[in-house]
PDB file of N, CA and C in Angstrom:
ATOM      1  N   UNK A   1      18.362   2.667 -22.179  1.00  0.00           N
ATOM      2  CA  UNK A   1      17.345   3.089 -23.222  1.00  0.00           C
ATOM      3  C   UNK A   1      17.740   4.503 -23.540  1.00  0.00           C
ATOM      4  N   UNK A   2      18.170   4.779 -24.767  1.00  0.00           N
ATOM      5  CA  UNK A   2      18.662   6.191 -25.086  1.00  0.00           C
ATOM      6  C   UNK A   2      17.431   7.028 -25.244  1.00  0.00           C
ATOM      7  N   UNK A   3      17.368   8.202 -24.720  1.00  0.00           N
ATOM      8  CA  UNK A   3      16.406   9.172 -25.011  1.00  0.00           C
ATOM      9  C   UNK A   3      15.213   8.910 -24.004  1.00  0.00           C
ATOM     10  N   UNK A   4      15.184   8.040 -23.186  1.00  0.00           N
ATOM     11  CA  UNK A   4      14.119   7.587 -22.300  1.00  0.00           C
ATOM     12  C   UNK A   4      14.216   8.286 -20.899  1.00  0.00           C
ATOM     13  N   UNK A   5      13.201   9.067 -20.492  1.00  0.00           N
ATOM     14  CA  UNK A   5      13.364   9.579 -19.058  1.00  0.00           C
ATOM     15  C   UNK A   5      12.535   8.763 -18.275  1.00  0.00           C
ATOM     16  N   UNK A   6      13.175   8.376 -17.154  1.00  0.00           N
ATOM     17  CA  UNK A   6      12.472   7.564 -16.105  1.00  0.00           C
ATOM     18  C   UNK A   6      12.191   8.332 -14.946  1.00  0.00           C
ATOM     19  N   UNK A   7      10.907   8.534 -14.569  1.00  0.00           N
ATOM     20  CA  UNK A   7      10.564   9.260 -13.344  1.00  0.00           C
ATOM     21  C   UNK A   7      10.058   8.377 -12.305  1.00  0.00           C
ATOM     22  N   UNK A   8      10.774   8.296 -11.146  1.00  0.00           N
ATOM     23  CA  UNK A   8      10.410   7.378 -10.056  1.00  0.00           C
ATOM     24  C   UNK A   8       9.600   8.233  -9.027  1.00  0.00           C
ATOM     25  N   UNK A   9       8.387   7.747  -8.671  1.00  0.00           N
ATOM     26  CA  UNK A   9       7.418   8.322  -7.803  1.00  0.00           C
ATOM     27  C   UNK A   9       7.277   7.335  -6.656  1.00  0.00           C
ATOM     28  N   UNK A  10       7.356   7.779  -5.392  1.00  0.00           N
ATOM     29  CA  UNK A  10       7.032   6.843  -4.428  1.00  0.00           C
ATOM     30  C   UNK A  10       5.564   6.399  -4.383  1.00  0.00           C
ATOM     31  N   UNK A  11       5.323   5.111  -4.135  1.00  0.00           N
ATOM     32  CA  UNK A  11       4.064   4.606  -4.247  1.00  0.00           C
ATOM     33  C   UNK A  11       3.468   4.707  -2.832  1.00  0.00           C
ATOM     34  N   UNK A  12       2.241   5.263  -2.654  1.00  0.00           N
ATOM     35  CA  UNK A  12       1.660   5.459  -1.473  1.00  0.00           C
ATOM     36  C   UNK A  12       0.106   5.595  -1.590  1.00  0.00           C
ATOM     37  N   UNK A  13      -0.644   5.125  -0.731  1.00  0.00           N
ATOM     38  CA  UNK A  13      -2.098   5.222  -0.777  1.00  0.00           C
ATOM     39  C   UNK A  13      -2.659   5.978   0.274  1.00  0.00           C
ATOM     40  N   UNK A  14      -1.703   6.826   0.842  1.00  0.00           N
ATOM     41  CA  UNK A  14      -1.921   7.796   1.943  1.00  0.00           C
ATOM     42  C   UNK A  14      -1.896   9.213   1.313  1.00  0.00           C
ATOM     43  N   UNK A  15      -3.034   9.871   1.792  1.00  0.00           N
ATOM     44  CA  UNK A  15      -3.182  11.258   1.267  1.00  0.00           C
ATOM     45  C   UNK A  15      -2.158  12.143   1.891  1.00  0.00           C
ATOM     46  N   UNK A  16      -1.651  13.183   1.173  1.00  0.00           N
ATOM     47  CA  UNK A  16      -0.657  14.222   1.887  1.00  0.00           C
ATOM     48  C   UNK A  16      -1.166  14.646   3.250  1.00  0.00           C
ATOM     49  N   UNK A  17      -2.512  14.922   3.365  1.00  0.00           N
ATOM     50  CA  UNK A  17      -2.945  15.332   4.694  1.00  0.00           C
ATOM     51  C   UNK A  17      -2.769  14.446   5.730  1.00  0.00           C
ATOM     52  N   UNK A  18      -3.063  13.065   5.509  1.00  0.00           N
ATOM     53  CA  UNK A  18      -2.998  12.020   6.537  1.00  0.00           C
ATOM     54  C   UNK A  18      -1.477  11.829   6.761  1.00  0.00           C
ATOM     55  N   UNK A  19      -0.600  11.852   5.709  1.00  0.00           N
ATOM     56  CA  UNK A  19       0.857  11.717   5.894  1.00  0.00           C
ATOM     57  C   UNK A  19       1.294  12.701   6.856  1.00  0.00           C
ATOM     58  N   UNK A  20       0.915  13.927   6.615  1.00  0.00           N
ATOM     59  CA  UNK A  20       1.400  15.088   7.512  1.00  0.00           C
ATOM     60  C   UNK A  20       1.047  14.881   8.881  1.00  0.00           C
ATOM     61  N   UNK A  21      -0.269  14.281   9.051  1.00  0.00           N
ATOM     62  CA  UNK A  21      -0.753  13.989  10.529  1.00  0.00           C
ATOM     63  C   UNK A  21       0.135  12.847  10.998  1.00  0.00           C
ATOM     64  N   UNK A  22       0.387  11.775  10.354  1.00  0.00           N
ATOM     65  CA  UNK A  22       1.155  10.725  10.806  1.00  0.00           C
ATOM     66  C   UNK A  22       2.640  11.315  11.193  1.00  0.00           C
ATOM     67  N   UNK A  23       3.204  12.039  10.319  1.00  0.00           N
ATOM     68  CA  UNK A  23       4.511  12.642  10.595  1.00  0.00           C
ATOM     69  C   UNK A  23       4.532  13.417  11.893  1.00  0.00           C
ATOM     70  N   UNK A  24       3.503  14.295  12.098  1.00  0.00           N
ATOM     71  CA  UNK A  24       3.406  14.943  13.429  1.00  0.00           C
ATOM     72  C   UNK A  24       3.334  14.113  14.502  1.00  0.00           C
ATOM     73  N   UNK A  25       2.474  12.972  14.486  1.00  0.00           N
ATOM     74  CA  UNK A  25       2.394  12.195  15.591  1.00  0.00           C
ATOM     75  C   UNK A  25       3.713  11.428  15.869  1.00  0.00           C
ATOM     76  N   UNK A  26       4.321  10.933  14.816  1.00  0.00           N
ATOM     77  CA  UNK A  26       5.713  10.344  15.172  1.00  0.00           C
ATOM     78  C   UNK A  26       6.709  11.196  15.619  1.00  0.00           C
ATOM     79  N   UNK A  27       6.772  12.447  15.185  1.00  0.00           N
ATOM     80  CA  UNK A  27       7.764  13.503  15.708  1.00  0.00           C
ATOM     81  C   UNK A  27       7.433  13.798  16.943  1.00  0.00           C
ATOM     82  N   UNK A  28       6.206  13.740  17.631  1.00  0.00           N
ATOM     83  CA  UNK A  28       5.859  14.071  18.897  1.00  0.00           C
ATOM     84  C   UNK A  28       6.107  12.923  19.937  1.00  0.00           C
ATOM     85  N   UNK A  29       6.453  11.644  19.310  1.00  0.00           N
ATOM     86  CA  UNK A  29       6.731  10.635  20.174  1.00  0.00           C
ATOM     87  C   UNK A  29       8.091  10.739  20.752  1.00  0.00           C
ATOM     88  N   UNK A  30       8.400  10.006  21.919  1.00  0.00           N
ATOM     89  CA  UNK A  30       9.717   9.912  22.571  1.00  0.00           C
ATOM     90  C   UNK A  30      10.569   8.894  21.648  1.00  0.00           C
ATOM     91  N   UNK A  31      11.870   8.958  22.027  1.00  0.00           N
ATOM     92  CA  UNK A  31      12.618   7.924  21.277  1.00  0.00           C
ATOM     93  C   UNK A  31      12.133   6.390  21.665  1.00  0.00           C
ATOM     94  N   UNK A  32      11.811   6.218  22.956  1.00  0.00           N
ATOM     95  CA  UNK A  32      11.422   4.949  23.427  1.00  0.00           C
ATOM     96  C   UNK A  32      10.036   4.608  22.700  1.00  0.00           C
ATOM     97  N   UNK A  33       9.127   5.505  22.471  1.00  0.00           N
ATOM     98  CA  UNK A  33       7.824   5.235  21.895  1.00  0.00           C
ATOM     99  C   UNK A  33       8.111   4.804  20.379  1.00  0.00           C
ATOM    100  N   UNK A  34       9.027   5.601  19.657  1.00  0.00           N
ATOM    101  CA  UNK A  34       9.328   5.236  18.382  1.00  0.00           C
ATOM    102  C   UNK A  34       9.982   3.944  18.158  1.00  0.00           C
ATOM    103  N   UNK A  35      10.927   3.507  19.110  1.00  0.00           N
ATOM    104  CA  UNK A  35      11.575   2.230  19.185  1.00  0.00           C
ATOM    105  C   UNK A  35      10.698   1.179  19.270  1.00  0.00           C
ATOM    106  N   UNK A  36       9.662   1.291  20.212  1.00  0.00           N
ATOM    107  CA  UNK A  36       8.601   0.304  20.318  1.00  0.00           C
ATOM    108  C   UNK A  36       7.643   0.080  19.271  1.00  0.00           C
ATOM    109  N   UNK A  37       7.361   1.179  18.520  1.00  0.00           N
ATOM    110  CA  UNK A  37       6.654   1.222  17.355  1.00  0.00           C
ATOM    111  C   UNK A  37       7.409   0.413  16.202  1.00  0.00           C
ATOM    112  N   UNK A  38       8.586   0.742  16.149  1.00  0.00           N
ATOM    113  CA  UNK A  38       9.454   0.010  15.073  1.00  0.00           C
ATOM    114  C   UNK A  38       9.511  -1.440  15.274  1.00  0.00           C
ATOM    115  N   UNK A  39       9.765  -1.780  16.625  1.00  0.00           N
ATOM    116  CA  UNK A  39       9.910  -3.159  17.001  1.00  0.00           C
ATOM    117  C   UNK A  39       8.393  -3.851  16.694  1.00  0.00           C
ATOM    118  N   UNK A  40       7.299  -3.302  16.947  1.00  0.00           N
ATOM    119  CA  UNK A  40       6.058  -3.863  16.671  1.00  0.00           C
ATOM    120  C   UNK A  40       5.913  -4.018  15.290  1.00  0.00           C
ATOM    121  N   UNK A  41       6.116  -2.999  14.318  1.00  0.00           N
ATOM    122  CA  UNK A  41       6.038  -3.198  12.943  1.00  0.00           C
ATOM    123  C   UNK A  41       6.945  -4.285  12.311  1.00  0.00           C
ATOM    124  N   UNK A  42       8.093  -4.428  12.932  1.00  0.00           N
ATOM    125  CA  UNK A  42       9.021  -5.499  12.577  1.00  0.00           C
ATOM    126  C   UNK A  42       8.296  -6.776  12.868  1.00  0.00           C
ATOM    127  N   UNK A  43       7.816  -6.986  14.135  1.00  0.00           N
ATOM    128  CA  UNK A  43       7.121  -8.274  14.541  1.00  0.00           C
ATOM    129  C   UNK A  43       6.007  -8.566  13.566  1.00  0.00           C
ATOM    130  N   UNK A  44       5.223  -7.702  13.193  1.00  0.00           N
ATOM    131  CA  UNK A  44       4.007  -7.777  12.333  1.00  0.00           C
ATOM    132  C   UNK A  44       4.498  -8.250  10.969  1.00  0.00           C
ATOM    133  N   UNK A  45       5.476  -7.517  10.537  1.00  0.00           N
ATOM    134  CA  UNK A  45       5.937  -7.792   9.194  1.00  0.00           C
ATOM    135  C   UNK A  45       6.587  -9.275   8.983  1.00  0.00           C
ATOM    136  N   UNK A  46       7.303  -9.786  10.113  1.00  0.00           N
ATOM    137  CA  UNK A  46       7.799 -11.074  10.235  1.00  0.00           C
ATOM    138  C   UNK A  46       6.752 -12.069  10.184  1.00  0.00           C
ATOM    139  N   UNK A  47       5.599 -11.724  11.039  1.00  0.00           N
ATOM    140  CA  UNK A  47       4.528 -12.751  11.094  1.00  0.00           C
ATOM    141  C   UNK A  47       3.869 -12.800   9.756  1.00  0.00           C
ATOM    142  N   UNK A  48       3.653 -11.751   9.087  1.00  0.00           N
ATOM    143  CA  UNK A  48       3.100 -11.645   7.627  1.00  0.00           C
ATOM    144  C   UNK A  48       4.018 -12.570   6.754  1.00  0.00           C
ATOM    145  N   UNK A  49       5.153 -12.383   6.756  1.00  0.00           N
ATOM    146  CA  UNK A  49       6.176 -13.091   5.869  1.00  0.00           C
ATOM    147  C   UNK A  49       6.053 -14.628   6.105  1.00  0.00           C
ATOM    148  N   UNK A  50       6.178 -14.978   7.356  1.00  0.00           N
ATOM    149  CA  UNK A  50       5.978 -16.341   7.652  1.00  0.00           C
ATOM    150  C   UNK A  50       4.690 -17.062   7.328  1.00  0.00           C
ATOM    151  N   UNK A  51       3.634 -16.192   7.539  1.00  0.00           N
ATOM    152  CA  UNK A  51       2.248 -16.693   7.091  1.00  0.00           C
ATOM    153  C   UNK A  51       2.339 -16.886   5.591  1.00  0.00           C
ATOM    154  N   UNK A  52       2.905 -16.011   4.890  1.00  0.00           N
ATOM    155  CA  UNK A  52       2.936 -16.026   3.371  1.00  0.00           C
ATOM    156  C   UNK A  52       3.650 -17.446   3.038  1.00  0.00           C
ATOM    157  N   UNK A  53       4.696 -17.662   3.671  1.00  0.00           N
ATOM    158  CA  UNK A  53       5.448 -19.054   3.351  1.00  0.00           C
ATOM    159  C   UNK A  53       4.552 -20.044   3.591  1.00  0.00           C
ATOM    160  N   UNK A  54       3.850 -20.092   4.821  1.00  0.00           N
ATOM    161  CA  UNK A  54       3.028 -21.191   5.282  1.00  0.00           C
ATOM    162  C   UNK A  54       1.890 -21.366   4.321  1.00  0.00           C
ATOM    163  N   UNK A  55       1.328 -20.273   3.738  1.00  0.00           N
ATOM    164  CA  UNK A  55       0.281 -20.229   2.804  1.00  0.00           C
ATOM    165  C   UNK A  55       0.634 -20.988   1.462  1.00  0.00           C
ATOM    166  N   UNK A  56       1.917 -20.700   1.138  1.00  0.00           N
ATOM    167  CA  UNK A  56       2.463 -21.311  -0.145  1.00  0.00           C
ATOM    168  C   UNK A  56       2.815 -22.680   0.011  1.00  0.00           C
ATOM    169  N   UNK A  57       3.201 -23.110   1.318  1.00  0.00           N
ATOM    170  CA  UNK A  57       3.648 -24.517   1.604  1.00  0.00           C
ATOM    171  C   UNK A  57       2.782 -25.091   2.821  1.00  0.00           C
ATOM    172  N   UNK A  58       1.578 -25.273   2.631  1.00  0.00           N
ATOM    173  CA  UNK A  58       0.747 -25.737   3.851  1.00  0.00           C
ATOM    174  C   UNK A  58       1.243 -27.055   4.421  1.00  0.00           C
ATOM    175  N   UNK A  59       1.912 -27.858   3.661  1.00  0.00           N
ATOM    176  CA  UNK A  59       2.368 -29.171   4.157  1.00  0.00           C
ATOM    177  C   UNK A  59       3.688 -29.045   5.060  1.00  0.00           C
ATOM    178  N   UNK A  60       4.310 -27.833   5.002  1.00  0.00           N
ATOM    179  CA  UNK A  60       5.561 -27.647   5.749  1.00  0.00           C
ATOM    180  C   UNK A  60       5.231 -27.476   7.350  1.00  0.00           C
ATOM    181  N   UNK A  61       6.007 -28.158   8.130  1.00  0.00           N
ATOM    182  CA  UNK A  61       5.904 -27.837   9.585  1.00  0.00           C
ATOM    183  C   UNK A  61       6.480 -26.411   9.911  1.00  0.00           C
ATOM    184  N   UNK A  62       6.086 -26.067  11.113  1.00  0.00           N
ATOM    185  CA  UNK A  62       6.360 -24.595  11.637  1.00  0.00           C
ATOM    186  C   UNK A  62       7.888 -24.402  11.627  1.00  0.00           C
ATOM    187  N   UNK A  63       8.592 -25.438  11.936  1.00  0.00           N
ATOM    188  CA  UNK A  63      10.136 -25.211  12.049  1.00  0.00           C
ATOM    189  C   UNK A  63      10.687 -25.073  10.627  1.00  0.00           C
ATOM    190  N   UNK A  64      10.061 -25.650   9.558  1.00  0.00           N
ATOM    191  CA  UNK A  64      10.667 -25.437   8.249  1.00  0.00           C
ATOM    192  C   UNK A  64      10.264 -24.113   7.763  1.00  0.00           C
ATOM    193  N   UNK A  65       9.062 -23.685   8.091  1.00  0.00           N
ATOM    194  CA  UNK A  65       8.584 -22.328   7.761  1.00  0.00           C
ATOM    195  C   UNK A  65       9.635 -21.306   8.372  1.00  0.00           C
ATOM    196  N   UNK A  66       9.810 -21.459   9.623  1.00  0.00           N
ATOM    197  CA  UNK A  66      10.730 -20.539  10.470  1.00  0.00           C
ATOM    198  C   UNK A  66      12.125 -20.432   9.779  1.00  0.00           C
ATOM    199  N   UNK A  67      12.585 -21.672   9.399  1.00  0.00           N
ATOM    200  CA  UNK A  67      13.955 -21.863   8.652  1.00  0.00           C
ATOM    201  C   UNK A  67      14.020 -21.050   7.480  1.00  0.00           C
ATOM    202  N   UNK A  68      12.930 -21.265   6.635  1.00  0.00           N
ATOM    203  CA  UNK A  68      12.887 -20.617   5.271  1.00  0.00           C
ATOM    204  C   UNK A  68      12.641 -19.063   5.504  1.00  0.00           C
ATOM    205  N   UNK A  69      11.812 -18.682   6.423  1.00  0.00           N
ATOM    206  CA  UNK A  69      11.936 -17.200   6.723  1.00  0.00           C
ATOM    207  C   UNK A  69      13.273 -16.668   7.054  1.00  0.00           C
ATOM    208  N   UNK A  70      14.000 -17.292   7.947  1.00  0.00           N
ATOM    209  CA  UNK A  70      15.270 -16.794   8.312  1.00  0.00           C
ATOM    210  C   UNK A  70      16.201 -16.770   7.061  1.00  0.00           C
ATOM    211  N   UNK A  71      16.255 -17.821   6.282  1.00  0.00           N
ATOM    212  CA  UNK A  71      16.999 -17.813   5.014  1.00  0.00           C
ATOM    213  C   UNK A  71      16.668 -16.631   4.186  1.00  0.00           C
ATOM    214  N   UNK A  72      15.292 -16.202   4.089  1.00  0.00           N
ATOM    215  CA  UNK A  72      14.909 -15.179   3.213  1.00  0.00           C
ATOM    216  C   UNK A  72      15.561 -13.843   3.743  1.00  0.00           C
ATOM    217  N   UNK A  73      16.010 -13.729   4.837  1.00  0.00           N
ATOM    218  CA  UNK A  73      16.554 -12.471   5.392  1.00  0.00           C
ATOM    219  C   UNK A  73      18.004 -12.198   4.879  1.00  0.00           C
ATOM    220  N   UNK A  74      18.616 -13.158   4.248  1.00  0.00           N
ATOM    221  CA  UNK A  74      20.126 -13.094   3.784  1.00  0.00           C
ATOM    222  C   UNK A  74      20.016 -12.970   2.276  1.00  0.00           C
ATOM    223  N   UNK A  75      20.915 -12.292   1.692  1.00  0.00           N
ATOM    224  CA  UNK A  75      21.280 -12.410   0.192  1.00  0.00           C
ATOM    225  C   UNK A  75      21.560 -13.819  -0.111  1.00  0.00           C
ATOM    226  N   UNK A  76      21.292 -13.989  -1.435  1.00  0.00           N
ATOM    227  CA  UNK A  76      21.390 -15.281  -2.078  1.00  0.00           C
ATOM    228  C   UNK A  76      22.840 -15.856  -1.645  1.00  0.00           C
ATOM    229  N   UNK A  77      22.659 -16.997  -0.933  1.00  0.00           N
ATOM    230  CA  UNK A  77      23.875 -17.757  -0.702  1.00  0.00           C
ATOM    231  C   UNK A  77      24.538 -17.343   0.630  1.00  0.00           C
ATOM    232  N   UNK A  78      24.079 -16.275   1.375  1.00  0.00           N
ATOM    233  CA  UNK A  78      24.673 -15.645   2.514  1.00  0.00           C
ATOM    234  C   UNK A  78      24.133 -16.098   3.807  1.00  0.00           C
ATOM    235  N   UNK A  79      23.218 -17.056   3.918  1.00  0.00           N
ATOM    236  CA  UNK A  79      22.682 -17.457   5.089  1.00  0.00           C
ATOM    237  C   UNK A  79      23.756 -18.370   5.842  1.00  0.00           C
ATOM    238  N   UNK A  80      23.805 -18.351   7.071  1.00  0.00           N
ATOM    239  CA  UNK A  80      24.723 -19.150   7.889  1.00  0.00           C
ATOM    240  C   UNK A  80      24.416 -20.621   7.515  1.00  0.00           C
ATOM    241  N   UNK A  81      25.474 -21.424   7.596  1.00  0.00           N
ATOM    242  CA  UNK A  81      25.332 -22.862   7.181  1.00  0.00           C
ATOM    243  C   UNK A  81      24.453 -23.611   8.046  1.00  0.00           C
ATOM    244  N   UNK A  82      24.181 -23.189   9.148  1.00  0.00           N
ATOM    245  CA  UNK A  82      23.165 -24.051  10.116  1.00  0.00           C
ATOM    246  C   UNK A  82      21.730 -23.794   9.729  1.00  0.00           C
ATOM    247  N   UNK A  83      21.341 -22.837   8.918  1.00  0.00           N
ATOM    248  CA  UNK A  83      20.061 -22.630   8.532  1.00  0.00           C
ATOM    249  C   UNK A  83      19.553 -23.553   7.537  1.00  0.00           C
TER     250      UNK A  83
END
């Protein structure tokens, strides 16, 4: 689009004050604590994604939901053939 200026702003519902507080807390954590936090956030994100698949396909057994979740982690057509 000629002559159009696109401004990209990060979307956040966190106030700058709270964001600064979160940043200070994370920076005060040890490497191990940050790793454990990242792993927990990953676990929760995976659980939410799988629940979303299950909600959209309530008739699917858990194994199919898990397989579809794993497929969703790969770019189009890039999943291993066993999935």
